Amino acid sequence: MLCAYKVFLATAYPQSELVRTMKHLLACLALCASLSASAQVVYPYNPDANGDSAITSGDLLDFLPVFATTFTPQGITIDGVPLDEWLADLEAVVNSNAASIESLFAMQSQINELETANDNLQSQVNSLQDQLNNLTFSVDGLPPCIDIDDDKICDFADACVGAAISFWALDSYDGMGDNVEVDLLTSNMTAYEAQLNSLDLSGVCSDNSILTAANFNWSNLNNAAFTNCDLTYSIIINGSYENLDLSGSDISHSQVCHDWSSVILDGVVGTCLFACPGLLLPDGYSLVPNEDCGCCVPTYDLVVD
């Protein structure tokens, strides 16, 4: 008597599915055993001729006709199959299912390895998602600053890209320049007397640009970056300057005012500044008077304490 059980794995089994499959397999073996127990077993000689579980005169009457005749023992049969063949078939069934169980345990080991790999991959995905969430986007949707550690400072020097902002500027600063309209604020650009006033410039970035005499009056410069730029003679007042990065820039002869307490001033050159009395500087910086600037109003130099 044979009992077959096939397991098809189109994808990796979850652990619950594996347990369910093994239960089905063991149930199949139990079914084979139960069917074998109820099979028709024929013995070579049975004194209970009428099968009433008692040896009585009725059994003797069946025996008398064969009394004194030749008796040749016959093999035991189960459902007409000789016992040795039936046992061989049963052993084959057991061996076949034992191999299936071993295969399932091997699959479980592979599943554990895949689950570990999946956890590692998910961890990498989560890390990349965190980096994506920390991107600071410009007004046109481009990422000017990739801020991995969320310290409001660009982590890559080449992360400074342009922002689509329209403004007017002079194409030269020799008194002969033409007033032209510029539609992109980017790095390595030259724009004199750029009219960048009353604009939302939060998060924009420009590096190594010449923006002499730029007008930032009333503009929002939160999280903006104007690094290594020529900002001399500029107007930087009446705006918002939270985490504004001016690292390496020259702001000499510029008008500065209001709350600069979170402005990044690393390597900034600031001489002859027109600073209002209410100017707040970051810790470690201060203003000292400079009377050699040739101006009729007080001017100051930015110094590191």
C-alpha atoms as a PDB file:
ATOM      1  CA  MET A   1       0.000   0.000   0.000  1.00  0.00           C
ATOM      2  CA  LEU A   2       1.558   3.282  -1.081  1.00  0.00           C
ATOM      3  CA  CYS A   3       0.885   6.825   0.036  1.00  0.00           C
ATOM      4  CA  ALA A   4       2.450   9.748  -1.823  1.00  0.00           C
ATOM      5  CA  TYR A   5       2.777  13.317  -0.610  1.00  0.00           C
ATOM      6  CA  LYS A   6       4.265  16.035  -2.809  1.00  0.00           C
ATOM      7  CA  VAL A   7       5.360  19.486  -1.685  1.00  0.00           C
ATOM      8  CA  PHE A   8       5.890  22.218  -4.243  1.00  0.00           C
ATOM      9  CA  LEU A   9       7.842  25.331  -3.178  1.00  0.00           C
ATOM     10  CA  ALA A  10       7.311  28.165  -5.648  1.00  0.00           C
ATOM     11  CA  THR A  11       8.697  30.618  -3.085  1.00  0.00           C
ATOM     12  CA  ALA A  12      10.412  30.332   0.292  1.00  0.00           C
ATOM     13  CA  TYR A  13       8.094  28.807   2.899  1.00  0.00           C
ATOM     14  CA  PRO A  14       7.257  30.950   5.927  1.00  0.00           C
ATOM     15  CA  GLN A  15       7.894  29.061   9.135  1.00  0.00           C
ATOM     16  CA  SER A  16       4.175  28.575   9.802  1.00  0.00           C
ATOM     17  CA  GLU A  17       3.742  27.011   6.336  1.00  0.00           C
ATOM     18  CA  LEU A  18       6.671  24.674   6.977  1.00  0.00           C
ATOM     19  CA  VAL A  19       5.165  23.447  10.245  1.00  0.00           C
ATOM     20  CA  ARG A  20       1.804  22.941   8.529  1.00  0.00           C
ATOM     21  CA  THR A  21       3.475  20.932   5.753  1.00  0.00           C
ATOM     22  CA  MET A  22       5.260  18.655   8.215  1.00  0.00           C
ATOM     23  CA  LYS A  23       1.999  18.060  10.062  1.00  0.00           C
ATOM     24  CA  HIS A  24       0.394  17.052   6.794  1.00  0.00           C
ATOM     25  CA  LEU A  25       3.260  14.675   6.102  1.00  0.00           C
ATOM     26  CA  LEU A  26       3.050  13.019   9.502  1.00  0.00           C
ATOM     27  CA  ALA A  27      -0.707  12.757   9.103  1.00  0.00           C
ATOM     28  CA  CYS A  28      -0.120  10.921   5.822  1.00  0.00           C
ATOM     29  CA  LEU A  29       2.121   8.419   7.593  1.00  0.00           C
ATOM     30  CA  ALA A  30      -0.491   7.888  10.292  1.00  0.00           C
ATOM     31  CA  LEU A  31      -3.130   7.332   7.611  1.00  0.00           C
ATOM     32  CA  CYS A  32      -0.946   4.685   5.984  1.00  0.00           C
ATOM     33  CA  ALA A  33      -0.592   2.942   9.340  1.00  0.00           C
ATOM     34  CA  SER A  34      -4.325   3.063  10.049  1.00  0.00           C
ATOM     35  CA  LEU A  35      -5.187   1.687   6.612  1.00  0.00           C
ATOM     36  CA  SER A  36      -2.642  -1.065   7.093  1.00  0.00           C
ATOM     37  CA  ALA A  37      -4.262  -2.000  10.408  1.00  0.00           C
ATOM     38  CA  SER A  38      -7.659  -2.404   8.726  1.00  0.00           C
ATOM     39  CA  ALA A  39      -6.338  -4.350   5.732  1.00  0.00           C
ATOM     40  CA  GLN A  40      -7.492  -7.921   4.929  1.00  0.00           C
ATOM     41  CA  VAL A  41      -4.893 -10.231   6.498  1.00  0.00           C
ATOM     42  CA  VAL A  42      -5.003 -13.867   5.418  1.00  0.00           C
ATOM     43  CA  TYR A  43      -3.136 -16.460   7.514  1.00  0.00           C
ATOM     44  CA  PRO A  44      -2.165 -19.961   6.147  1.00  0.00           C
ATOM     45  CA  TYR A  45      -4.244 -21.752   8.810  1.00  0.00           C
ATOM     46  CA  ASN A  46      -6.944 -20.391  11.085  1.00  0.00           C
ATOM     47  CA  PRO A  47      -8.839 -22.813  13.365  1.00  0.00           C
ATOM     48  CA  ASP A  48     -11.611 -20.206  13.780  1.00  0.00           C
ATOM     49  CA  ALA A  49     -13.217 -21.189  10.486  1.00  0.00           C
ATOM     50  CA  ASN A  50     -16.396 -19.159  10.916  1.00  0.00           C
ATOM     51  CA  GLY A  51     -14.603 -16.118  12.333  1.00  0.00           C
ATOM     52  CA  ASP A  52     -16.703 -15.799  15.478  1.00  0.00           C
ATOM     53  CA  SER A  53     -13.637 -15.550  17.722  1.00  0.00           C
ATOM     54  CA  ALA A  54     -14.475 -18.880  19.363  1.00  0.00           C
ATOM     55  CA  ILE A  55     -13.372 -22.459  18.576  1.00  0.00           C
ATOM     56  CA  THR A  56     -16.582 -24.499  18.613  1.00  0.00           C
ATOM     57  CA  SER A  57     -18.126 -27.506  16.923  1.00  0.00           C
ATOM     58  CA  GLY A  58     -18.853 -25.363  13.874  1.00  0.00           C
ATOM     59  CA  ASP A  59     -15.125 -24.928  13.383  1.00  0.00           C
ATOM     60  CA  LEU A  60     -14.603 -28.694  13.791  1.00  0.00           C
ATOM     61  CA  LEU A  61     -17.071 -29.461  11.027  1.00  0.00           C
ATOM     62  CA  ASP A  62     -14.993 -27.351   8.593  1.00  0.00           C
ATOM     63  CA  PHE A  63     -11.853 -29.146   9.708  1.00  0.00           C
ATOM     64  CA  LEU A  64     -13.123 -32.737   9.278  1.00  0.00           C
ATOM     65  CA  PRO A  65     -13.256 -32.718   5.449  1.00  0.00           C
ATOM     66  CA  VAL A  66      -9.489 -32.063   5.270  1.00  0.00           C
ATOM     67  CA  PHE A  67      -8.565 -34.436   8.098  1.00  0.00           C
ATOM     68  CA  ALA A  68      -5.713 -36.812   7.178  1.00  0.00           C
ATOM     69  CA  THR A  69      -4.888 -34.891   3.961  1.00  0.00           C
ATOM     70  CA  THR A  70      -1.542 -33.333   2.981  1.00  0.00           C
ATOM     71  CA  PHE A  71      -0.974 -29.816   4.391  1.00  0.00           C
ATOM     72  CA  THR A  72       1.333 -27.295   2.707  1.00  0.00           C
ATOM     73  CA  PRO A  73       1.796 -24.067   4.718  1.00  0.00           C
ATOM     74  CA  GLN A  74       1.049 -20.893   2.727  1.00  0.00           C
ATOM     75  CA  GLY A  75       2.538 -17.440   3.267  1.00  0.00           C
ATOM     76  CA  ILE A  76       0.652 -14.686   5.036  1.00  0.00           C
ATOM     77  CA  THR A  77      -1.012 -12.213   2.641  1.00  0.00           C
ATOM     78  CA  ILE A  78      -2.379  -8.716   3.184  1.00  0.00           C
ATOM     79  CA  ASP A  79      -5.033  -7.675   0.688  1.00  0.00           C
ATOM     80  CA  GLY A  80      -3.727 -10.439  -1.542  1.00  0.00           C
ATOM     81  CA  VAL A  81      -0.127  -9.177  -1.356  1.00  0.00           C
ATOM     82  CA  PRO A  82       2.485 -11.511   0.182  1.00  0.00           C
ATOM     83  CA  LEU A  83       3.693 -10.250   3.548  1.00  0.00           C
ATOM     84  CA  ASP A  84       7.307  -9.774   2.441  1.00  0.00           C
ATOM     85  CA  GLU A  85       6.227  -7.635  -0.533  1.00  0.00           C
ATOM     86  CA  TRP A  86       3.826  -5.630   1.626  1.00  0.00           C
ATOM     87  CA  LEU A  87       6.599  -4.927   4.176  1.00  0.00           C
ATOM     88  CA  ALA A  88       8.950  -3.861   1.374  1.00  0.00           C
ATOM     89  CA  ASP A  89       6.327  -1.423   0.061  1.00  0.00           C
ATOM     90  CA  LEU A  90       5.777  -0.058   3.566  1.00  0.00           C
ATOM     91  CA  GLU A  91       9.523   0.448   4.061  1.00  0.00           C
ATOM     92  CA  ALA A  92       9.717   2.285   0.750  1.00  0.00           C
ATOM     93  CA  VAL A  93       6.914   4.630   1.878  1.00  0.00           C
ATOM     94  CA  VAL A  94       8.668   5.326   5.174  1.00  0.00           C
ATOM     95  CA  ASN A  95      12.017   5.946   3.476  1.00  0.00           C
ATOM     96  CA  SER A  96      10.434   8.224   0.894  1.00  0.00           C
ATOM     97  CA  ASN A  97       8.748  10.395   3.529  1.00  0.00           C
ATOM     98  CA  ALA A  98      11.865  10.423   5.698  1.00  0.00           C
ATOM     99  CA  ALA A  99      13.764  11.968   2.781  1.00  0.00           C
ATOM    100  CA  SER A 100      11.005  14.563   2.406  1.00  0.00           C
ATOM    101  CA  ILE A 101      11.301  15.493   6.070  1.00  0.00           C
ATOM    102  CA  GLU A 102      15.075  15.846   5.781  1.00  0.00           C
ATOM    103  CA  SER A 103      14.550  18.003   2.692  1.00  0.00           C
ATOM    104  CA  LEU A 104      12.125  20.226   4.592  1.00  0.00           C
ATOM    105  CA  PHE A 105      14.636  20.700   7.411  1.00  0.00           C
ATOM    106  CA  ALA A 106      17.255  21.651   4.820  1.00  0.00           C
ATOM    107  CA  MET A 107      14.776  24.144   3.359  1.00  0.00           C
ATOM    108  CA  GLN A 108      14.224  25.568   6.844  1.00  0.00           C
ATOM    109  CA  SER A 109      17.955  26.258   7.117  1.00  0.00           C
ATOM    110  CA  GLN A 110      17.860  28.077   3.782  1.00  0.00           C
ATOM    111  CA  ILE A 111      14.798  30.010   4.911  1.00  0.00           C
ATOM    112  CA  ASN A 112      16.629  31.129   8.065  1.00  0.00           C
ATOM    113  CA  GLU A 113      19.527  32.378   5.933  1.00  0.00           C
ATOM    114  CA  LEU A 114      17.118  34.234   3.617  1.00  0.00           C
ATOM    115  CA  GLU A 115      15.357  35.817   6.598  1.00  0.00           C
ATOM    116  CA  THR A 116      18.703  37.022   7.955  1.00  0.00           C
ATOM    117  CA  ALA A 117      19.643  38.437   4.538  1.00  0.00           C
ATOM    118  CA  ASN A 118      16.223  40.088   4.308  1.00  0.00           C
ATOM    119  CA  ASP A 119      16.689  41.717   7.740  1.00  0.00           C
ATOM    120  CA  ASN A 120      20.080  43.068   6.658  1.00  0.00           C
ATOM    121  CA  LEU A 121      18.601  44.389   3.414  1.00  0.00           C
ATOM    122  CA  GLN A 122      15.731  46.026   5.300  1.00  0.00           C
ATOM    123  CA  SER A 123      18.257  47.698   7.593  1.00  0.00           C
ATOM    124  CA  GLN A 124      20.064  49.121   4.549  1.00  0.00           C
ATOM    125  CA  VAL A 125      16.756  50.299   3.076  1.00  0.00           C
ATOM    126  CA  ASN A 126      15.876  52.028   6.358  1.00  0.00           C
ATOM    127  CA  SER A 127      19.288  53.722   6.401  1.00  0.00           C
ATOM    128  CA  LEU A 128      18.840  54.963   2.828  1.00  0.00           C
ATOM    129  CA  GLN A 129      15.343  56.175   3.694  1.00  0.00           C
ATOM    130  CA  ASP A 130      16.752  58.143   6.635  1.00  0.00           C
ATOM    131  CA  GLN A 131      19.300  59.755   4.307  1.00  0.00           C
ATOM    132  CA  LEU A 132      16.554  60.591   1.833  1.00  0.00           C
ATOM    133  CA  ASN A 133      14.454  62.135   4.595  1.00  0.00           C
ATOM    134  CA  ASN A 134      17.404  64.370   5.525  1.00  0.00           C
ATOM    135  CA  LEU A 135      17.733  65.904   2.070  1.00  0.00           C
ATOM    136  CA  THR A 136      17.228  69.666   2.096  1.00  0.00           C
ATOM    137  CA  PHE A 137      15.405  70.618  -1.092  1.00  0.00           C
ATOM    138  CA  SER A 138      15.638  73.870  -2.989  1.00  0.00           C
ATOM    139  CA  VAL A 139      12.637  75.806  -4.265  1.00  0.00           C
ATOM    140  CA  ASP A 140      12.680  73.987  -7.603  1.00  0.00           C
ATOM    141  CA  GLY A 141      12.821  70.540  -6.033  1.00  0.00           C
ATOM    142  CA  LEU A 142      16.553  69.944  -6.489  1.00  0.00           C
ATOM    143  CA  PRO A 143      18.645  68.830  -3.484  1.00  0.00           C
ATOM    144  CA  PRO A 144      21.277  71.528  -2.895  1.00  0.00           C
ATOM    145  CA  CYS A 145      22.553  69.976   0.299  1.00  0.00           C
ATOM    146  CA  ILE A 146      22.753  66.327   1.364  1.00  0.00           C
ATOM    147  CA  ASP A 147      22.665  66.488   5.158  1.00  0.00           C
ATOM    148  CA  ILE A 148      23.366  62.926   6.359  1.00  0.00           C
ATOM    149  CA  ASP A 149      23.884  63.713  10.052  1.00  0.00           C
ATOM    150  CA  ASP A 150      21.107  66.350  10.221  1.00  0.00           C
ATOM    151  CA  ASP A 151      23.455  69.058  11.497  1.00  0.00           C
ATOM    152  CA  LYS A 152      22.209  71.608   8.934  1.00  0.00           C
ATOM    153  CA  ILE A 153      25.593  71.498   7.155  1.00  0.00           C
ATOM    154  CA  CYS A 154      26.217  70.098   3.697  1.00  0.00           C
ATOM    155  CA  ASP A 155      28.119  66.827   3.912  1.00  0.00           C
ATOM    156  CA  PHE A 156      29.305  66.799   0.272  1.00  0.00           C
ATOM    157  CA  ALA A 157      31.170  69.635  -1.421  1.00  0.00           C
ATOM    158  CA  ASP A 158      29.527  68.854  -4.757  1.00  0.00           C
ATOM    159  CA  ALA A 159      26.012  68.816  -3.309  1.00  0.00           C
ATOM    160  CA  CYS A 160      25.495  72.512  -4.082  1.00  0.00           C
ATOM    161  CA  VAL A 161      23.262  72.800  -7.125  1.00  0.00           C
ATOM    162  CA  GLY A 162      21.324  75.655  -8.656  1.00  0.00           C
ATOM    163  CA  ALA A 163      17.875  76.924  -7.788  1.00  0.00           C
ATOM    164  CA  ALA A 164      15.389  78.333 -10.293  1.00  0.00           C
ATOM    165  CA  ILE A 165      15.068  81.898  -9.050  1.00  0.00           C
ATOM    166  CA  SER A 166      14.486  84.897 -11.292  1.00  0.00           C
ATOM    167  CA  PHE A 167      16.207  88.181 -10.412  1.00  0.00           C
ATOM    168  CA  TRP A 168      17.845  91.229 -12.009  1.00  0.00           C
ATOM    169  CA  ALA A 169      21.572  91.954 -11.905  1.00  0.00           C
ATOM    170  CA  LEU A 170      24.354  93.853 -13.698  1.00  0.00           C
ATOM    171  CA  ASP A 171      26.621  91.889 -16.016  1.00  0.00           C
ATOM    172  CA  SER A 172      29.638  94.034 -15.061  1.00  0.00           C
ATOM    173  CA  TYR A 173      30.680  96.309 -12.206  1.00  0.00           C
ATOM    174  CA  ASP A 174      32.608  98.994 -14.044  1.00  0.00           C
ATOM    175  CA  GLY A 175      29.795 101.488 -14.416  1.00  0.00           C
ATOM    176  CA  MET A 176      29.072 100.244 -17.942  1.00  0.00           C
ATOM    177  CA  GLY A 177      27.170  97.082 -17.065  1.00  0.00           C
ATOM    178  CA  ASP A 178      23.768  96.196 -18.477  1.00  0.00           C
ATOM    179  CA  ASN A 179      20.827  95.232 -16.295  1.00  0.00           C
ATOM    180  CA  VAL A 180      19.957  91.626 -17.212  1.00  0.00           C
ATOM    181  CA  GLU A 181      17.422  89.130 -15.940  1.00  0.00           C
ATOM    182  CA  VAL A 182      18.872  85.966 -14.427  1.00  0.00           C
ATOM    183  CA  ASP A 183      16.688  82.868 -14.014  1.00  0.00           C
ATOM    184  CA  LEU A 184      19.052  80.554 -12.119  1.00  0.00           C
ATOM    185  CA  LEU A 185      20.963  81.077  -8.904  1.00  0.00           C
ATOM    186  CA  THR A 186      23.826  78.587  -8.986  1.00  0.00           C
ATOM    187  CA  SER A 187      27.497  78.108  -8.130  1.00  0.00           C
ATOM    188  CA  ASN A 188      30.452  79.742  -9.890  1.00  0.00           C
ATOM    189  CA  MET A 189      28.254  82.525 -11.229  1.00  0.00           C
ATOM    190  CA  THR A 190      28.867  86.266 -11.546  1.00  0.00           C
ATOM    191  CA  ALA A 191      26.057  88.737 -10.900  1.00  0.00           C
ATOM    192  CA  TYR A 192      26.673  92.287  -9.674  1.00  0.00           C
ATOM    193  CA  GLU A 193      24.062  94.126  -7.603  1.00  0.00           C
ATOM    194  CA  ALA A 194      21.827  91.048  -7.751  1.00  0.00           C
ATOM    195  CA  GLN A 195      18.332  92.027  -6.635  1.00  0.00           C
ATOM    196  CA  LEU A 196      17.656  89.096  -4.326  1.00  0.00           C
ATOM    197  CA  ASN A 197      15.535  91.094  -1.924  1.00  0.00           C
ATOM    198  CA  SER A 198      12.135  90.031  -0.534  1.00  0.00           C
ATOM    199  CA  LEU A 199      12.580  86.453  -1.771  1.00  0.00           C
ATOM    200  CA  ASP A 200      12.246  83.059  -0.139  1.00  0.00           C
ATOM    201  CA  LEU A 201      15.808  81.791  -0.535  1.00  0.00           C
ATOM    202  CA  SER A 202      15.578  79.154   2.187  1.00  0.00           C
ATOM    203  CA  GLY A 203      17.742  76.153   1.380  1.00  0.00           C
ATOM    204  CA  VAL A 204      19.303  77.634  -1.777  1.00  0.00           C
ATOM    205  CA  CYS A 205      22.996  77.161  -2.426  1.00  0.00           C
ATOM    206  CA  SER A 206      25.734  79.039  -4.288  1.00  0.00           C
ATOM    207  CA  ASP A 207      29.435  78.303  -4.010  1.00  0.00           C
ATOM    208  CA  ASN A 208      32.437  80.222  -5.385  1.00  0.00           C
ATOM    209  CA  SER A 209      30.229  82.925  -6.876  1.00  0.00           C
ATOM    210  CA  ILE A 210      30.797  86.651  -7.334  1.00  0.00           C
ATOM    211  CA  LEU A 211      27.715  88.395  -5.942  1.00  0.00           C
ATOM    212  CA  THR A 212      29.212  91.780  -5.188  1.00  0.00           C
ATOM    213  CA  ALA A 213      26.693  94.339  -3.843  1.00  0.00           C
ATOM    214  CA  ALA A 214      23.873  91.787  -3.692  1.00  0.00           C
ATOM    215  CA  ASN A 215      20.646  92.995  -2.102  1.00  0.00           C
ATOM    216  CA  PHE A 216      19.221  90.427   0.352  1.00  0.00           C
ATOM    217  CA  ASN A 217      16.985  92.917   2.176  1.00  0.00           C
ATOM    218  CA  TRP A 218      13.887  91.233   3.705  1.00  0.00           C
ATOM    219  CA  SER A 219      14.794  87.828   2.244  1.00  0.00           C
ATOM    220  CA  ASN A 220      14.447  84.456   3.955  1.00  0.00           C
ATOM    221  CA  LEU A 221      17.922  82.882   4.040  1.00  0.00           C
ATOM    222  CA  ASN A 222      17.163  80.081   6.497  1.00  0.00           C
ATOM    223  CA  ASN A 223      19.351  77.009   5.778  1.00  0.00           C
ATOM    224  CA  ALA A 224      20.783  78.730   2.684  1.00  0.00           C
ATOM    225  CA  ALA A 225      24.466  78.382   1.761  1.00  0.00           C
ATOM    226  CA  PHE A 226      26.565  81.109   0.128  1.00  0.00           C
ATOM    227  CA  THR A 227      30.020  79.637   0.645  1.00  0.00           C
ATOM    228  CA  ASN A 228      33.345  80.953  -0.661  1.00  0.00           C
ATOM    229  CA  CYS A 229      31.486  83.820  -2.328  1.00  0.00           C
ATOM    230  CA  ASP A 230      32.332  87.485  -2.896  1.00  0.00           C
ATOM    231  CA  LEU A 231      29.512  89.228  -1.014  1.00  0.00           C
ATOM    232  CA  THR A 232      31.317  92.499  -0.472  1.00  0.00           C
ATOM    233  CA  TYR A 233      29.173  95.657  -0.314  1.00  0.00           C
ATOM    234  CA  SER A 234      26.023  93.530   0.054  1.00  0.00           C
ATOM    235  CA  ILE A 235      22.856  94.306   2.022  1.00  0.00           C
ATOM    236  CA  ILE A 236      22.018  91.504   4.427  1.00  0.00           C
ATOM    237  CA  ILE A 237      19.402  92.962   6.779  1.00  0.00           C
ATOM    238  CA  ASN A 238      15.762  92.574   7.856  1.00  0.00           C
ATOM    239  CA  GLY A 239      15.657  88.902   6.907  1.00  0.00           C
ATOM    240  CA  SER A 240      15.748  85.429   8.486  1.00  0.00           C
ATOM    241  CA  TYR A 241      19.168  83.824   8.853  1.00  0.00           C
ATOM    242  CA  GLU A 242      18.718  80.584  10.769  1.00  0.00           C
ATOM    243  CA  ASN A 243      21.604  78.208   9.912  1.00  0.00           C
ATOM    244  CA  LEU A 244      22.726  80.419   7.016  1.00  0.00           C
ATOM    245  CA  ASP A 245      26.144  79.161   5.868  1.00  0.00           C
ATOM    246  CA  LEU A 246      28.611  81.880   4.798  1.00  0.00           C
ATOM    247  CA  SER A 247      31.744  79.778   5.276  1.00  0.00           C
ATOM    248  CA  GLY A 248      34.776  81.151   3.445  1.00  0.00           C
ATOM    249  CA  SER A 249      32.922  84.174   2.023  1.00  0.00           C
ATOM    250  CA  ASP A 250      33.973  87.822   2.037  1.00  0.00           C
ATOM    251  CA  ILE A 251      31.236  90.115   3.407  1.00  0.00           C
ATOM    252  CA  SER A 252      33.441  93.190   3.864  1.00  0.00           C
ATOM    253  CA  HIS A 253      31.765  96.615   3.564  1.00  0.00           C
ATOM    254  CA  SER A 254      28.338  94.951   3.810  1.00  0.00           C
ATOM    255  CA  GLN A 255      25.321  96.025   5.820  1.00  0.00           C
ATOM    256  CA  VAL A 256      24.467  93.379   8.423  1.00  0.00           C
ATOM    257  CA  CYS A 257      21.777  93.380  11.054  1.00  0.00           C
ATOM    258  CA  HIS A 258      19.399  91.383  13.260  1.00  0.00           C
ATOM    259  CA  ASP A 259      19.831  87.794  14.520  1.00  0.00           C
ATOM    260  CA  TRP A 260      22.953  86.114  13.167  1.00  0.00           C
ATOM    261  CA  SER A 261      23.400  83.855  16.204  1.00  0.00           C
ATOM    262  CA  SER A 262      23.110  80.624  14.156  1.00  0.00           C
ATOM    263  CA  VAL A 263      24.909  81.855  11.021  1.00  0.00           C
ATOM    264  CA  ILE A 264      27.975  79.753  10.117  1.00  0.00           C
ATOM    265  CA  LEU A 265      30.929  82.132   9.831  1.00  0.00           C
ATOM    266  CA  ASP A 266      33.878  79.748   9.529  1.00  0.00           C
ATOM    267  CA  GLY A 267      36.654  81.512   7.602  1.00  0.00           C
ATOM    268  CA  VAL A 268      34.494  84.557   6.824  1.00  0.00           C
ATOM    269  CA  VAL A 269      36.243  87.839   6.051  1.00  0.00           C
ATOM    270  CA  GLY A 270      34.340  90.830   7.390  1.00  0.00           C
ATOM    271  CA  THR A 271      36.030  94.210   7.508  1.00  0.00           C
ATOM    272  CA  CYS A 272      34.452  97.647   7.553  1.00  0.00           C
ATOM    273  CA  LEU A 273      31.007  96.250   8.245  1.00  0.00           C
ATOM    274  CA  PHE A 274      28.014  98.523   8.689  1.00  0.00           C
ATOM    275  CA  ALA A 275      26.484  96.700  11.649  1.00  0.00           C
ATOM    276  CA  CYS A 276      23.348  97.762  13.448  1.00  0.00           C
ATOM    277  CA  PRO A 277      23.484  97.905  17.273  1.00  0.00           C
ATOM    278  CA  GLY A 278      21.110  94.929  17.608  1.00  0.00           C
ATOM    279  CA  LEU A 279      23.242  92.484  15.602  1.00  0.00           C
ATOM    280  CA  LEU A 280      23.506  89.093  17.357  1.00  0.00           C
ATOM    281  CA  LEU A 281      26.575  87.013  16.463  1.00  0.00           C
ATOM    282  CA  PRO A 282      27.352  83.338  17.120  1.00  0.00           C
ATOM    283  CA  ASP A 283      29.356  82.438  20.209  1.00  0.00           C
ATOM    284  CA  GLY A 284      33.061  83.032  19.646  1.00  0.00           C
ATOM    285  CA  TYR A 285      32.615  86.027  17.326  1.00  0.00           C
ATOM    286  CA  SER A 286      32.488  89.750  18.024  1.00  0.00           C
ATOM    287  CA  LEU A 287      32.791  93.146  16.340  1.00  0.00           C
ATOM    288  CA  VAL A 288      35.581  95.610  16.952  1.00  0.00           C
ATOM    289  CA  PRO A 289      35.447  99.235  15.744  1.00  0.00           C
ATOM    290  CA  ASN A 290      37.480 100.131  12.651  1.00  0.00           C
ATOM    291  CA  GLU A 291      37.986 103.867  12.113  1.00  0.00           C
ATOM    292  CA  ASP A 292      40.141 103.419   9.012  1.00  0.00           C
ATOM    293  CA  CYS A 293      37.328 102.535   6.621  1.00  0.00           C
ATOM    294  CA  GLY A 294      36.913 106.153   5.443  1.00  0.00           C
ATOM    295  CA  CYS A 295      33.204 106.354   6.223  1.00  0.00           C
ATOM    296  CA  CYS A 296      31.131 108.845   8.091  1.00  0.00           C
ATOM    297  CA  VAL A 297      29.278 106.163  10.091  1.00  0.00           C
ATOM    298  CA  PRO A 298      30.756 103.659  12.534  1.00  0.00           C
ATOM    299  CA  THR A 299      32.202 100.540  10.912  1.00  0.00           C
ATOM    300  CA  TYR A 300      33.363  97.274  12.450  1.00  0.00           C
ATOM    301  CA  ASP A 301      35.547  94.304  11.749  1.00  0.00           C
ATOM    302  CA  LEU A 302      34.357  90.763  12.439  1.00  0.00           C
ATOM    303  CA  VAL A 303      36.838  88.938  14.657  1.00  0.00           C
ATOM    304  CA  VAL A 304      37.105  85.546  16.316  1.00  0.00           C
ATOM    305  CA  ASP A 305      37.325  85.816  20.100  1.00  0.00           C
END
